Amino acid sequence: MEILFLTISDQQNHPLHKYVDLHCNFDFAVWEKGFRAVSSSVHIFDFYASFVSNGPISMENSIRDLVRKHNIKLLVVPNLYYELSPTFINELRAIGCNSMIVFFDDSMRFENTNRFYLNSFDFYLTHESVDSKLLYKPYGIEPEFFPNLPSRTFYDGIIKDLDKSTLKCVKDVVFVGARIADRDIFINYLKDNGIDIEAFGRGWVAGMLSTDEMIAAFNLSKISLSFVKTVDGSGRFQLKGRLFEIVMSGGFVLSEFCEELTDYFDIGSEIDTFKTPQELLDKVRFYLENRDLRDEMSARAKDKAEKKYSFESSWLRYLTDIKNGRIKSEYPNPGYEVPASTIKEFMSWNFSFIYGQSMLGQYGLAYQQYKFCRRELEALVCNNSIIKEFVKWIVRRFIMMVVNLVFTRNHIHKIRPSRSSC
């Protein structure tokens, strides 16, 4: 079975990033390496780079050409926002190419993003939690679930080439992840009690690490932390792929506790957990003094992950089940309608690109984005009054944009002479 994986690269260096958030904080090179290890029949295309630079219609043309050239039977799409349209997915299905979408962070994105696609794809996979499957059930979808797992091939290759003498990210204790929820309380508590710890990621003083540096930090530091509370500050727990990344790196894990962890690892034998800052401090001190125990536990965890929880093993099982018909297509989903609130989010997302492209003078791309959005609205709502409202909405937004642009230019023009005369 020929497969086309649509990868995503970080586009924050593109000029459009000034107007639209194009940052992708996950390195899909891990997936690319993993898919190549799973099958020689996997083709890879960076659809996000194409979408940003060439526009949605041009991106669709490129994907369509690849599907026809390689006789692609399955399209694998990691969901970002609305870049892949239901209309286009249906067109590919008509020429013999089924499709799968992979969702992340369902608890935060389900209503505004995921529900846009619940009558579009053949196969649905969620990476957040087994409990996330309950979100889809009322709408007639039964997604598969397994965590976002690291590629053994990718990680082993990096670990093999580590230059230990040049690494600055190695500490007694490390954490890699954004500064969200109550993570700083735990980190600062360890620092205040004399623990040699560094936190890396968005919001931390030490800044970001590359994927290679992250794996090195996990592999060479004595203890790596994992937290499980969600980014929205609600206090909900979410099984994090970071835990599996630490284990696959050969690191020792101390994770914030959630019940779902026990489905994957033996607590106290392969990893350990904590609930409070004081419990974390006590266990950090204990494991820093017991290197042999740390090494034994991390070795057991890595052995289990390589056999059961690697990207390669999980995706091979999943794709084999699809190929052999054990997992059935979820399309069509009769009676399902995309909610009005989700359609509004789709419109706003499109306008952010139209606005940014117009500000950059990329009027052809802006018009392409407009046609893309209007086409999908016509297919979704089948209501001319809504389409007319959309056109009026676009016109109003453009008028506001032009007024703001003129005002800004006049304002700058007035300021510059006064500054130059000082």
Protein backbone atom coordinates (compact mmCIF):
# COMPACT_ATOMS: atom_id res chain seq x y z
CA MET A 1 0.00 0.00 0.00
CA GLU A 2 1.52 3.31 -1.12
CA ILE A 3 1.24 5.98 1.60
CA LEU A 4 1.73 9.75 1.43
CA PHE A 5 2.65 11.35 4.75
CA LEU A 6 2.03 15.10 4.82
CA THR A 7 4.71 16.42 7.13
CA ILE A 8 4.85 19.83 8.83
CA SER A 9 7.88 22.08 9.19
CA ASP A 10 8.18 25.17 11.38
CA GLN A 11 7.47 28.26 9.26
CA GLN A 12 8.14 30.97 11.84
CA ASN A 13 10.96 32.41 9.69
CA HIS A 14 8.54 33.07 6.82
CA PRO A 15 7.60 36.79 6.40
CA LEU A 16 3.93 35.88 6.88
CA HIS A 17 4.69 34.90 10.49
CA LYS A 18 4.55 38.62 11.30
CA TYR A 19 0.78 38.45 10.78
CA VAL A 20 -0.09 34.77 11.36
CA ASP A 21 1.36 32.39 13.94
CA LEU A 22 3.19 29.83 11.78
CA HIS A 23 5.21 28.24 14.55
CA CYS A 24 5.15 24.45 14.90
CA ASN A 25 6.75 23.31 18.16
CA PHE A 26 6.91 19.62 17.25
CA ASP A 27 9.74 18.25 15.12
CA PHE A 28 8.02 16.00 12.56
CA ALA A 29 11.43 14.81 11.36
CA VAL A 30 10.91 12.13 14.03
CA TRP A 31 7.79 10.93 12.19
CA GLU A 32 9.52 11.11 8.81
CA LYS A 33 12.32 8.83 10.04
CA GLY A 34 9.80 6.55 11.72
CA PHE A 35 7.62 6.18 8.63
CA ARG A 36 10.64 5.39 6.47
CA ALA A 37 11.56 2.64 8.94
CA VAL A 38 8.00 1.27 8.90
CA SER A 39 7.69 0.96 5.13
CA SER A 40 9.57 1.64 1.91
CA SER A 41 6.20 2.56 0.38
CA VAL A 42 5.89 5.83 2.32
CA HIS A 43 6.29 9.10 0.41
CA ILE A 44 6.74 12.40 2.25
CA PHE A 45 5.61 15.91 1.30
CA ASP A 46 5.87 19.09 3.40
CA PHE A 47 2.33 20.32 2.86
CA TYR A 48 2.59 23.14 5.41
CA ALA A 49 5.58 24.78 3.73
CA SER A 50 3.71 24.52 0.43
CA PHE A 51 0.53 25.96 1.94
CA VAL A 52 2.33 28.96 3.44
CA SER A 53 4.54 29.76 0.44
CA ASN A 54 2.33 28.76 -2.50
CA GLY A 55 -1.24 28.95 -1.19
CA PRO A 56 -3.91 26.29 -0.57
CA ILE A 57 -4.92 25.64 -4.19
CA SER A 58 -1.30 25.23 -5.32
CA MET A 59 -0.67 22.93 -2.36
CA GLU A 60 -3.65 20.79 -3.40
CA ASN A 61 -2.32 20.58 -6.95
CA SER A 62 1.04 19.32 -5.65
CA ILE A 63 -0.61 16.67 -3.46
CA ARG A 64 -2.91 15.56 -6.28
CA ASP A 65 0.07 15.15 -8.61
CA LEU A 66 1.89 13.00 -6.03
CA VAL A 67 -1.18 10.85 -5.44
CA ARG A 68 -1.52 10.14 -9.14
CA LYS A 69 2.21 9.70 -9.78
CA HIS A 70 2.74 7.15 -6.99
CA ASN A 71 -0.74 5.59 -6.97
CA ILE A 72 -1.18 6.63 -3.33
CA LYS A 73 -3.83 4.65 -1.45
CA LEU A 74 -3.63 6.35 1.95
CA LEU A 75 -2.98 9.97 2.90
CA VAL A 76 -1.75 10.55 6.49
CA VAL A 77 -2.43 14.06 7.79
CA PRO A 78 -1.26 15.38 11.19
CA ASN A 79 -3.83 18.06 11.99
CA LEU A 80 -2.65 21.64 12.44
CA TYR A 81 -5.69 23.78 11.60
CA TYR A 82 -7.79 23.83 8.40
CA GLU A 83 -5.12 23.53 5.68
CA LEU A 84 -6.61 20.35 4.18
CA SER A 85 -10.16 20.92 3.00
CA PRO A 86 -13.04 18.40 3.06
CA THR A 87 -13.70 19.16 -0.61
CA PHE A 88 -10.16 18.17 -1.55
CA ILE A 89 -10.21 15.05 0.66
CA ASN A 90 -13.38 13.93 -1.13
CA GLU A 91 -11.76 14.57 -4.50
CA LEU A 92 -8.82 12.33 -3.59
CA ARG A 93 -11.20 9.63 -2.38
CA ALA A 94 -12.86 9.68 -5.82
CA ILE A 95 -9.53 8.75 -7.45
CA GLY A 96 -8.88 5.89 -5.02
CA CYS A 97 -6.96 7.57 -2.18
CA ASN A 98 -8.37 7.21 1.34
CA SER A 99 -7.25 9.53 4.12
CA MET A 100 -6.41 9.53 7.82
CA ILE A 101 -6.22 12.49 10.18
CA VAL A 102 -4.21 12.52 13.41
CA PHE A 103 -5.56 14.78 16.17
CA PHE A 104 -3.62 16.25 19.10
CA ASP A 105 -4.84 18.05 22.25
CA ASP A 106 -8.48 17.05 21.74
CA SER A 107 -9.56 18.49 25.09
CA MET A 108 -8.62 21.99 23.89
CA ARG A 109 -9.17 21.81 20.12
CA PHE A 110 -12.15 19.52 19.65
CA GLU A 111 -14.94 22.09 19.20
CA ASN A 112 -13.06 24.72 17.21
CA THR A 113 -10.86 22.54 14.99
CA ASN A 114 -11.52 18.80 15.13
CA ARG A 115 -15.26 19.06 14.52
CA PHE A 116 -14.56 20.69 11.16
CA TYR A 117 -13.44 17.28 9.87
CA LEU A 118 -15.84 14.72 11.33
CA ASN A 119 -17.44 13.97 7.96
CA SER A 120 -14.28 14.17 5.86
CA PHE A 121 -11.72 11.46 6.60
CA ASP A 122 -11.83 7.67 6.42
CA PHE A 123 -9.73 7.03 9.52
CA TYR A 124 -9.30 9.02 12.74
CA LEU A 125 -6.48 8.72 15.25
CA THR A 126 -6.13 10.69 18.48
CA HIS A 127 -2.88 11.04 20.39
CA GLU A 128 -4.09 12.79 23.54
CA SER A 129 -5.74 10.17 25.75
CA VAL A 130 -7.85 7.05 25.55
CA ASP A 131 -10.58 9.15 27.21
CA SER A 132 -10.56 11.49 24.21
CA LYS A 133 -12.40 8.83 22.24
CA LEU A 134 -15.52 9.72 24.22
CA LEU A 135 -15.58 13.19 22.62
CA TYR A 136 -16.18 11.67 19.19
CA LYS A 137 -18.77 9.03 20.07
CA PRO A 138 -21.83 11.37 20.08
CA TYR A 139 -20.97 12.33 16.49
CA GLY A 140 -20.71 8.81 15.12
CA ILE A 141 -16.90 8.53 15.03
CA GLU A 142 -14.83 5.86 16.79
CA PRO A 143 -11.20 6.98 16.55
CA GLU A 144 -8.23 4.79 17.29
CA PHE A 145 -5.88 5.83 20.07
CA PHE A 146 -2.24 5.41 20.93
CA PRO A 147 0.16 8.03 22.35
CA ASN A 148 2.44 10.20 20.24
CA LEU A 149 5.40 7.86 20.41
CA PRO A 150 9.06 8.49 19.52
CA SER A 151 10.84 6.76 16.66
CA ARG A 152 13.38 4.24 17.88
CA THR A 153 15.31 4.63 14.62
CA PHE A 154 15.50 8.41 14.98
CA TYR A 155 16.48 8.41 18.66
CA ASP A 156 19.07 5.64 18.40
CA GLY A 157 20.75 7.48 15.53
CA ILE A 158 21.10 10.69 17.53
CA ILE A 159 22.26 8.95 20.72
CA LYS A 160 24.92 7.07 18.77
CA ASP A 161 26.44 10.35 17.55
CA LEU A 162 26.28 12.36 20.79
CA ASP A 163 29.33 14.52 21.46
CA LYS A 164 29.29 14.49 25.25
CA SER A 165 32.11 17.02 25.61
CA THR A 166 30.19 19.90 24.01
CA LEU A 167 26.82 19.57 25.74
CA LYS A 168 25.69 22.47 27.92
CA CYS A 169 22.17 21.20 28.58
CA VAL A 170 23.16 18.36 30.92
CA LYS A 171 22.23 18.77 34.59
CA ASP A 172 21.40 16.59 37.57
CA VAL A 173 17.72 17.26 36.79
CA VAL A 174 16.24 18.60 33.55
CA PHE A 175 12.82 19.50 32.27
CA VAL A 176 11.98 20.24 28.63
CA GLY A 177 8.59 21.81 27.95
CA ALA A 178 6.69 25.09 28.02
CA ARG A 179 6.29 27.13 31.19
CA ILE A 180 2.57 26.49 31.71
CA ALA A 181 0.14 25.44 34.45
CA ASP A 182 1.97 25.11 37.79
CA ARG A 183 5.25 23.75 36.44
CA ASP A 184 7.26 26.72 37.71
CA ILE A 185 6.15 25.95 41.28
CA PHE A 186 7.80 22.53 41.11
CA ILE A 187 10.90 23.76 39.26
CA ASN A 188 11.46 26.69 41.62
CA TYR A 189 10.93 24.49 44.67
CA LEU A 190 13.78 22.25 43.54
CA LYS A 191 16.02 25.25 42.81
CA ASP A 192 15.26 26.83 46.18
CA ASN A 193 16.31 23.59 47.85
CA GLY A 194 19.69 23.42 46.15
CA ILE A 195 18.96 20.98 43.31
CA ASP A 196 21.03 21.38 40.13
CA ILE A 197 18.11 21.74 37.70
CA GLU A 198 17.46 23.53 34.42
CA ALA A 199 14.19 23.97 32.53
CA PHE A 200 14.15 24.48 28.77
CA GLY A 201 11.33 25.55 26.47
CA ARG A 202 8.96 28.44 25.88
CA GLY A 203 8.84 30.82 28.82
CA TRP A 204 11.99 29.58 30.59
CA VAL A 205 15.14 31.68 30.88
CA ALA A 206 17.29 28.92 29.35
CA GLY A 207 15.22 29.03 26.15
CA MET A 208 14.54 26.32 23.60
CA LEU A 209 16.49 23.18 22.73
CA SER A 210 16.80 21.55 19.35
CA THR A 211 15.57 17.97 19.07
CA ASP A 212 19.15 16.69 19.20
CA GLU A 213 19.89 18.77 22.31
CA MET A 214 16.69 17.57 23.98
CA ILE A 215 17.57 13.91 23.43
CA ALA A 216 21.09 14.57 24.73
CA ALA A 217 19.71 16.27 27.85
CA PHE A 218 17.47 13.28 28.58
CA ASN A 219 20.18 10.73 27.85
CA LEU A 220 22.99 12.32 29.87
CA SER A 221 21.21 14.04 32.77
CA LYS A 222 20.54 12.01 35.89
CA ILE A 223 16.79 12.70 36.16
CA SER A 224 14.28 14.03 33.63
CA LEU A 225 10.93 15.44 34.71
CA SER A 226 7.56 15.04 33.01
CA PHE A 227 4.37 16.96 33.83
CA VAL A 228 0.84 15.97 32.87
CA LYS A 229 -1.45 18.97 33.46
CA THR A 230 -2.94 20.52 30.32
CA VAL A 231 -1.91 23.89 28.92
CA ASP A 232 -5.28 25.57 29.61
CA GLY A 233 -4.76 25.74 33.37
CA SER A 234 -7.88 23.66 34.09
CA GLY A 235 -5.96 21.12 36.15
CA ARG A 236 -6.92 18.28 33.79
CA PHE A 237 -4.36 15.55 33.21
CA GLN A 238 -3.07 14.57 29.78
CA LEU A 239 -0.73 11.70 28.98
CA LYS A 240 2.29 13.40 27.44
CA GLY A 241 4.45 12.09 24.63
CA ARG A 242 7.39 13.70 26.44
CA LEU A 243 7.49 10.81 28.92
CA PHE A 244 8.01 8.31 26.08
CA GLU A 245 10.67 10.59 24.56
CA ILE A 246 12.64 10.55 27.82
CA VAL A 247 12.39 6.77 28.05
CA MET A 248 13.40 6.24 24.40
CA SER A 249 16.38 8.55 25.00
CA GLY A 250 17.56 6.22 27.76
CA GLY A 251 16.75 8.71 30.50
CA PHE A 252 15.31 8.18 33.96
CA VAL A 253 11.78 9.59 34.41
CA LEU A 254 10.14 11.25 37.37
CA SER A 255 6.63 12.12 36.19
CA GLU A 256 3.76 13.98 37.74
CA PHE A 257 1.22 11.28 38.52
CA CYS A 258 -1.87 10.48 36.49
CA GLU A 259 -3.75 7.20 36.50
CA GLU A 260 -3.19 6.57 32.79
CA LEU A 261 0.57 6.21 33.36
CA THR A 262 -0.04 2.84 35.01
CA ASP A 263 -1.37 1.48 31.70
CA TYR A 264 2.11 1.82 30.20
CA PHE A 265 4.81 1.57 32.87
CA ASP A 266 5.29 -0.05 36.26
CA ILE A 267 5.56 2.72 38.85
CA GLY A 268 8.59 2.18 41.08
CA SER A 269 10.09 -0.42 38.76
CA GLU A 270 10.42 1.39 35.41
CA ILE A 271 9.57 5.02 36.20
CA ASP A 272 8.52 6.89 39.33
CA THR A 273 5.96 9.60 40.03
CA PHE A 274 5.17 12.55 42.31
CA LYS A 275 2.13 14.62 43.25
CA THR A 276 3.50 17.51 45.33
CA PRO A 277 6.65 19.67 45.25
CA GLN A 278 7.86 18.11 48.52
CA GLU A 279 7.37 14.57 47.23
CA LEU A 280 9.26 15.53 44.09
CA LEU A 281 12.14 16.95 46.14
CA ASP A 282 12.31 13.83 48.32
CA LYS A 283 12.40 11.51 45.32
CA VAL A 284 14.94 13.64 43.44
CA ARG A 285 17.29 13.46 46.43
CA PHE A 286 16.72 9.71 46.77
CA TYR A 287 17.39 8.88 43.12
CA LEU A 288 20.40 11.21 42.85
CA GLU A 289 21.99 9.08 45.56
CA ASN A 290 21.04 5.76 43.94
CA ARG A 291 22.58 5.64 40.48
CA ASP A 292 22.40 1.86 40.08
CA LEU A 293 18.67 1.86 40.79
CA ARG A 294 18.12 4.71 38.31
CA ASP A 295 20.03 2.86 35.62
CA GLU A 296 18.15 -0.39 36.22
CA MET A 297 14.76 1.31 36.07
CA SER A 298 15.55 3.35 32.95
CA ALA A 299 16.90 0.24 31.20
CA ARG A 300 13.70 -1.70 31.94
CA ALA A 301 11.55 1.20 30.74
CA LYS A 302 13.54 1.59 27.51
CA ASP A 303 13.39 -2.12 26.78
CA LYS A 304 9.60 -2.07 27.14
CA ALA A 305 9.26 1.10 25.02
CA GLU A 306 11.35 -0.33 22.19
CA LYS A 307 9.18 -3.46 22.08
CA LYS A 308 5.72 -1.95 22.67
CA TYR A 309 5.70 1.86 22.57
CA SER A 310 7.85 2.97 19.66
CA PHE A 311 6.54 4.89 16.66
CA GLU A 312 7.53 1.99 14.44
CA SER A 313 5.75 -0.77 16.37
CA SER A 314 2.52 1.19 16.93
CA TRP A 315 2.18 2.56 13.39
CA LEU A 316 3.06 -0.79 11.82
CA ARG A 317 0.21 -2.45 13.73
CA TYR A 318 -2.20 0.36 12.88
CA LEU A 319 -1.40 0.52 9.17
CA THR A 320 -1.50 -3.28 8.89
CA ASP A 321 -4.98 -3.30 10.45
CA ILE A 322 -6.14 -0.69 7.92
CA LYS A 323 -4.62 -2.58 4.99
CA ASN A 324 -6.21 -5.87 6.08
CA GLY A 325 -9.61 -4.28 6.64
CA ARG A 326 -9.71 -4.79 10.41
CA ILE A 327 -10.25 -1.04 10.80
CA LYS A 328 -13.14 0.17 8.66
CA SER A 329 -13.61 3.54 6.98
CA GLU A 330 -15.65 6.06 8.98
CA TYR A 331 -16.78 7.86 5.82
CA PRO A 332 -19.49 8.91 5.18
CA ASN A 333 -20.89 10.12 8.49
CA PRO A 334 -24.59 10.65 7.65
CA GLY A 335 -26.40 13.48 9.37
CA TYR A 336 -23.29 15.18 10.73
CA GLU A 337 -23.12 18.96 10.38
CA VAL A 338 -20.19 21.21 11.19
CA PRO A 339 -21.37 23.62 13.93
CA ALA A 340 -21.68 27.34 13.20
CA SER A 341 -19.06 28.21 15.83
CA THR A 342 -16.49 25.99 14.08
CA ILE A 343 -17.34 27.52 10.69
CA LYS A 344 -16.77 30.96 12.21
CA GLU A 345 -13.33 29.85 13.45
CA PHE A 346 -12.57 28.55 9.96
CA MET A 347 -13.52 31.93 8.45
CA SER A 348 -11.41 33.89 10.94
CA TRP A 349 -8.43 31.61 10.37
CA ASN A 350 -8.69 32.13 6.61
CA PHE A 351 -8.95 35.89 6.97
CA SER A 352 -5.77 35.99 9.05
CA PHE A 353 -3.94 34.58 6.01
CA ILE A 354 -5.78 36.87 3.57
CA TYR A 355 -4.87 39.87 5.70
CA GLY A 356 -1.23 38.87 6.13
CA GLN A 357 -0.74 38.06 2.46
CA SER A 358 -2.32 41.38 1.48
CA MET A 359 -0.05 43.26 3.87
CA LEU A 360 2.93 41.58 2.21
CA GLY A 361 1.65 42.51 -1.25
CA GLN A 362 0.97 38.84 -2.09
CA TYR A 363 -2.41 39.58 -3.64
CA GLY A 364 -2.47 36.43 -5.76
CA LEU A 365 -2.05 34.27 -2.66
CA ALA A 366 -4.66 36.33 -0.80
CA TYR A 367 -7.17 35.77 -3.61
CA GLN A 368 -6.30 32.06 -3.67
CA GLN A 369 -7.01 31.88 0.08
CA TYR A 370 -10.32 33.68 -0.46
CA LYS A 371 -11.37 31.20 -3.18
CA PHE A 372 -10.36 28.30 -0.94
CA CYS A 373 -12.48 29.61 1.93
CA ARG A 374 -15.50 30.43 -0.22
CA ARG A 375 -15.42 27.01 -1.89
CA GLU A 376 -15.51 25.25 1.47
CA LEU A 377 -18.28 27.47 2.81
CA GLU A 378 -20.40 26.70 -0.24
CA ALA A 379 -19.87 22.98 0.32
CA LEU A 380 -20.49 23.18 4.07
CA VAL A 381 -23.54 25.38 4.42
CA CYS A 382 -25.35 25.24 1.05
CA ASN A 383 -26.90 28.55 2.01
CA ASN A 384 -26.52 31.57 -0.28
CA SER A 385 -27.36 34.03 2.48
CA ILE A 386 -24.40 32.80 4.54
CA ILE A 387 -22.11 33.04 1.50
CA LYS A 388 -23.28 36.61 0.92
CA GLU A 389 -22.64 37.42 4.57
CA PHE A 390 -19.14 35.98 4.20
CA VAL A 391 -18.43 38.23 1.21
CA LYS A 392 -19.71 41.26 3.15
CA TRP A 393 -17.61 40.20 6.13
CA ILE A 394 -14.49 39.99 3.96
CA VAL A 395 -15.21 43.41 2.44
CA ARG A 396 -15.71 44.98 5.88
CA ARG A 397 -12.49 43.43 7.14
CA PHE A 398 -10.59 44.70 4.10
CA ILE A 399 -11.95 48.22 4.55
CA MET A 400 -10.84 48.17 8.18
CA MET A 401 -7.44 46.84 7.11
CA VAL A 402 -6.96 49.60 4.51
CA VAL A 403 -8.05 52.32 6.95
CA ASN A 404 -5.63 51.01 9.58
CA LEU A 405 -2.86 50.77 7.02
CA VAL A 406 -3.38 54.34 5.79
CA PHE A 407 -3.59 55.64 9.35
CA THR A 408 -0.42 53.80 10.32
CA ARG A 409 1.48 55.14 7.32
CA ASN A 410 0.32 58.71 7.98
CA HIS A 411 1.19 58.32 11.63
CA ILE A 412 4.68 57.10 10.80
CA HIS A 413 5.11 59.90 8.24
CA LYS A 414 4.25 62.48 10.88
CA ILE A 415 6.58 61.00 13.48
CA ARG A 416 9.67 60.62 11.33
CA PRO A 417 10.25 64.34 10.57
CA SER A 418 9.95 65.28 14.24
CA ARG A 419 12.51 62.63 15.17
CA SER A 420 14.93 63.64 12.44
CA SER A 421 14.78 67.28 13.53
CA CYS A 422 15.89 66.47 17.08
